[in-house]
Amino acid sequence: QVQLAESGGGLVQAGGSLRLSCAASGTIFSVIAMGWYRQFPGKQRELIAQITNRGGANYIDSVKGRFTLSRDNAKNTVSLQMNSLKPEDTAVYYCNANIVDRAYDDTYTQYWGPGTQVTVSS
């Protein structure tokens, strides 16, 4: 089993910054990808940024240039630096990881963090 522990989040004024961090622990043979989703009330979760083990981060258009994703492969951590935050960024943010958690197995399991609230006031 694998656990994802999130930290960061909270309340910030528009234009401010927050940093979300996530650490994976447990039985990990390899991490295929790590990233962050967010969920608005009444909406499905959307992928906002992800780094795969092939390198390079992908972002949705609404956060490009404002959010930066970084990953420490040795520590199985991923961080999301969020700058120039807007009220429309207010959501619950979830860490996500696709992890191979069994030996001699090429398939991965998708794991989720518990979620952290980000609120941006105008």
C-alpha atoms as a PDB file:
ATOM      1  CA  GLN A   1       0.000   0.000   0.000  1.00  0.00           C
ATOM      2  CA  VAL A   2       1.022   3.573  -0.631  1.00  0.00           C
ATOM      3  CA  GLN A   3       0.061   6.741   1.198  1.00  0.00           C
ATOM      4  CA  LEU A   4       0.209  10.281  -0.122  1.00  0.00           C
ATOM      5  CA  ALA A   5       0.685  12.980   2.503  1.00  0.00           C
ATOM      6  CA  GLU A   6      -0.130  16.538   1.479  1.00  0.00           C
ATOM      7  CA  SER A   7       0.890  19.811   3.063  1.00  0.00           C
ATOM      8  CA  GLY A   8       0.309  23.434   2.244  1.00  0.00           C
ATOM      9  CA  GLY A   9      -2.890  25.061   1.141  1.00  0.00           C
ATOM     10  CA  GLY A  10      -4.887  27.604   3.093  1.00  0.00           C
ATOM     11  CA  LEU A  11      -6.218  31.100   2.617  1.00  0.00           C
ATOM     12  CA  VAL A  12      -4.461  33.756   0.565  1.00  0.00           C
ATOM     13  CA  GLN A  13      -5.384  37.047  -1.058  1.00  0.00           C
ATOM     14  CA  ALA A  14      -5.599  37.376  -4.809  1.00  0.00           C
ATOM     15  CA  GLY A  15      -2.153  37.827  -6.296  1.00  0.00           C
ATOM     16  CA  GLY A  16      -0.530  35.880  -3.509  1.00  0.00           C
ATOM     17  CA  SER A  17       1.303  32.570  -3.504  1.00  0.00           C
ATOM     18  CA  LEU A  18       0.975  29.160  -1.928  1.00  0.00           C
ATOM     19  CA  ARG A  19       3.029  26.008  -2.138  1.00  0.00           C
ATOM     20  CA  LEU A  20       1.534  22.533  -2.017  1.00  0.00           C
ATOM     21  CA  SER A  21       3.711  19.542  -1.269  1.00  0.00           C
ATOM     22  CA  CYS A  22       3.045  15.831  -1.454  1.00  0.00           C
ATOM     23  CA  ALA A  23       5.129  12.869  -0.314  1.00  0.00           C
ATOM     24  CA  ALA A  24       4.503   9.255  -1.264  1.00  0.00           C
ATOM     25  CA  SER A  25       5.445   6.507   1.147  1.00  0.00           C
ATOM     26  CA  GLY A  26       4.914   2.773   1.438  1.00  0.00           C
ATOM     27  CA  THR A  27       5.639  -0.043  -0.986  1.00  0.00           C
ATOM     28  CA  ILE A  28       6.928   1.771  -4.046  1.00  0.00           C
ATOM     29  CA  PHE A  29       8.772   0.063  -6.872  1.00  0.00           C
ATOM     30  CA  SER A  30       8.475   2.906  -9.319  1.00  0.00           C
ATOM     31  CA  VAL A  31       6.524   6.128  -9.741  1.00  0.00           C
ATOM     32  CA  ILE A  32       5.132   6.558 -13.214  1.00  0.00           C
ATOM     33  CA  ALA A  33       3.727  10.039 -12.700  1.00  0.00           C
ATOM     34  CA  MET A  34       2.918  12.534  -9.964  1.00  0.00           C
ATOM     35  CA  GLY A  35       0.802  15.614 -10.093  1.00  0.00           C
ATOM     36  CA  TRP A  36      -2.094  17.629  -8.755  1.00  0.00           C
ATOM     37  CA  TYR A  37      -5.783  17.728  -9.483  1.00  0.00           C
ATOM     38  CA  ARG A  38      -8.326  20.197  -8.216  1.00  0.00           C
ATOM     39  CA  GLN A  39     -12.035  19.984  -7.714  1.00  0.00           C
ATOM     40  CA  PHE A  40     -14.548  22.810  -7.715  1.00  0.00           C
ATOM     41  CA  PRO A  41     -17.856  22.369  -5.850  1.00  0.00           C
ATOM     42  CA  GLY A  42     -20.197  20.225  -7.864  1.00  0.00           C
ATOM     43  CA  LYS A  43     -17.584  19.510 -10.525  1.00  0.00           C
ATOM     44  CA  GLN A  44     -15.329  16.597 -11.382  1.00  0.00           C
ATOM     45  CA  ARG A  45     -11.670  16.664 -10.510  1.00  0.00           C
ATOM     46  CA  GLU A  46      -9.450  18.109 -13.187  1.00  0.00           C
ATOM     47  CA  LEU A  47      -5.780  17.460 -13.752  1.00  0.00           C
ATOM     48  CA  ILE A  48      -3.905  20.740 -13.505  1.00  0.00           C
ATOM     49  CA  ALA A  49      -0.260  19.652 -13.595  1.00  0.00           C
ATOM     50  CA  GLN A  50       1.668  16.416 -13.900  1.00  0.00           C
ATOM     51  CA  ILE A  51       5.224  15.152 -14.287  1.00  0.00           C
ATOM     52  CA  THR A  52       5.833  11.702 -15.725  1.00  0.00           C
ATOM     53  CA  ASN A  53       8.994   9.642 -15.328  1.00  0.00           C
ATOM     54  CA  ARG A  54       9.945  10.690 -18.838  1.00  0.00           C
ATOM     55  CA  GLY A  55      10.467  14.195 -17.481  1.00  0.00           C
ATOM     56  CA  GLY A  56       8.837  17.534 -18.195  1.00  0.00           C
ATOM     57  CA  ALA A  57       5.702  18.961 -16.640  1.00  0.00           C
ATOM     58  CA  ASN A  58       2.371  19.472 -18.338  1.00  0.00           C
ATOM     59  CA  TYR A  59      -0.141  22.104 -17.247  1.00  0.00           C
ATOM     60  CA  ILE A  60      -3.657  23.098 -18.110  1.00  0.00           C
ATOM     61  CA  ASP A  61      -3.865  26.426 -19.872  1.00  0.00           C
ATOM     62  CA  SER A  62      -5.458  28.281 -16.971  1.00  0.00           C
ATOM     63  CA  VAL A  63      -2.406  27.791 -14.734  1.00  0.00           C
ATOM     64  CA  LYS A  64       0.423  28.027 -17.261  1.00  0.00           C
ATOM     65  CA  GLY A  65       2.892  30.716 -16.314  1.00  0.00           C
ATOM     66  CA  ARG A  66       1.534  30.909 -12.771  1.00  0.00           C
ATOM     67  CA  PHE A  67       1.987  27.404 -11.359  1.00  0.00           C
ATOM     68  CA  THR A  68       5.224  25.414 -11.337  1.00  0.00           C
ATOM     69  CA  LEU A  69       5.436  21.707 -10.631  1.00  0.00           C
ATOM     70  CA  SER A  70       8.609  20.126  -9.339  1.00  0.00           C
ATOM     71  CA  ARG A  71       9.399  16.550  -8.410  1.00  0.00           C
ATOM     72  CA  ASP A  72      12.097  14.889  -6.348  1.00  0.00           C
ATOM     73  CA  ASN A  73      12.382  11.359  -7.679  1.00  0.00           C
ATOM     74  CA  ALA A  74      14.711  10.223  -4.907  1.00  0.00           C
ATOM     75  CA  LYS A  75      12.248  11.275  -2.213  1.00  0.00           C
ATOM     76  CA  ASN A  76       9.047  10.507  -4.129  1.00  0.00           C
ATOM     77  CA  THR A  77       7.759  14.010  -3.564  1.00  0.00           C
ATOM     78  CA  VAL A  78       6.064  16.566  -5.764  1.00  0.00           C
ATOM     79  CA  SER A  79       5.462  20.240  -5.087  1.00  0.00           C
ATOM     80  CA  LEU A  80       3.231  22.785  -6.742  1.00  0.00           C
ATOM     81  CA  GLN A  81       4.277  26.409  -6.444  1.00  0.00           C
ATOM     82  CA  MET A  82       1.237  28.566  -7.123  1.00  0.00           C
ATOM     83  CA  ASN A  83       1.829  32.241  -7.844  1.00  0.00           C
ATOM     84  CA  SER A  84      -0.465  35.066  -8.903  1.00  0.00           C
ATOM     85  CA  LEU A  85      -3.402  33.213  -7.423  1.00  0.00           C
ATOM     86  CA  LYS A  86      -6.893  34.196  -8.487  1.00  0.00           C
ATOM     87  CA  PRO A  87     -10.249  33.730  -6.760  1.00  0.00           C
ATOM     88  CA  GLU A  88     -11.146  31.231  -9.474  1.00  0.00           C
ATOM     89  CA  ASP A  89      -8.303  29.010  -8.262  1.00  0.00           C
ATOM     90  CA  THR A  90     -10.308  28.365  -5.099  1.00  0.00           C
ATOM     91  CA  ALA A  91     -10.836  24.608  -4.896  1.00  0.00           C
ATOM     92  CA  VAL A  92      -9.822  21.450  -3.113  1.00  0.00           C
ATOM     93  CA  TYR A  93      -6.464  20.293  -4.431  1.00  0.00           C
ATOM     94  CA  TYR A  94      -5.540  16.603  -4.545  1.00  0.00           C
ATOM     95  CA  CYS A  95      -2.149  15.020  -4.950  1.00  0.00           C
ATOM     96  CA  ASN A  96      -2.141  12.121  -7.389  1.00  0.00           C
ATOM     97  CA  ALA A  97       0.440   9.472  -8.157  1.00  0.00           C
ATOM     98  CA  ASN A  98       0.557   6.500 -10.497  1.00  0.00           C
ATOM     99  CA  ILE A  99       2.723   3.961  -8.723  1.00  0.00           C
ATOM    100  CA  VAL A 100       3.911   0.434  -9.393  1.00  0.00           C
ATOM    101  CA  ASP A 101       3.451  -1.106  -5.949  1.00  0.00           C
ATOM    102  CA  ARG A 102       4.160  -4.755  -6.703  1.00  0.00           C
ATOM    103  CA  ALA A 103       7.336  -6.503  -7.754  1.00  0.00           C
ATOM    104  CA  TYR A 104       7.559  -7.977 -11.254  1.00  0.00           C
ATOM    105  CA  ASP A 105       4.473  -6.047 -12.327  1.00  0.00           C
ATOM    106  CA  ASP A 106       4.259  -3.452 -15.060  1.00  0.00           C
ATOM    107  CA  THR A 107       0.832  -2.161 -14.052  1.00  0.00           C
ATOM    108  CA  TYR A 108       0.367   0.826 -11.791  1.00  0.00           C
ATOM    109  CA  THR A 109      -2.153   1.844  -9.171  1.00  0.00           C
ATOM    110  CA  GLN A 110      -3.515   5.363  -8.952  1.00  0.00           C
ATOM    111  CA  TYR A 111      -3.273   6.859  -5.481  1.00  0.00           C
ATOM    112  CA  TRP A 112      -4.815  10.022  -4.059  1.00  0.00           C
ATOM    113  CA  GLY A 113      -4.043  12.321  -1.206  1.00  0.00           C
ATOM    114  CA  PRO A 114      -6.849  13.390   1.140  1.00  0.00           C
ATOM    115  CA  GLY A 115      -7.128  16.833  -0.439  1.00  0.00           C
ATOM    116  CA  THR A 116      -6.257  20.285   0.796  1.00  0.00           C
ATOM    117  CA  GLN A 117      -8.378  23.407   0.545  1.00  0.00           C
ATOM    118  CA  VAL A 118      -7.023  26.432  -1.288  1.00  0.00           C
ATOM    119  CA  THR A 119      -9.056  29.594  -0.898  1.00  0.00           C
ATOM    120  CA  VAL A 120      -8.169  32.803  -2.709  1.00  0.00           C
ATOM    121  CA  SER A 121      -9.977  35.911  -1.534  1.00  0.00           C
ATOM    122  CA  SER A 122     -10.598  38.874  -3.798  1.00  0.00           C
END
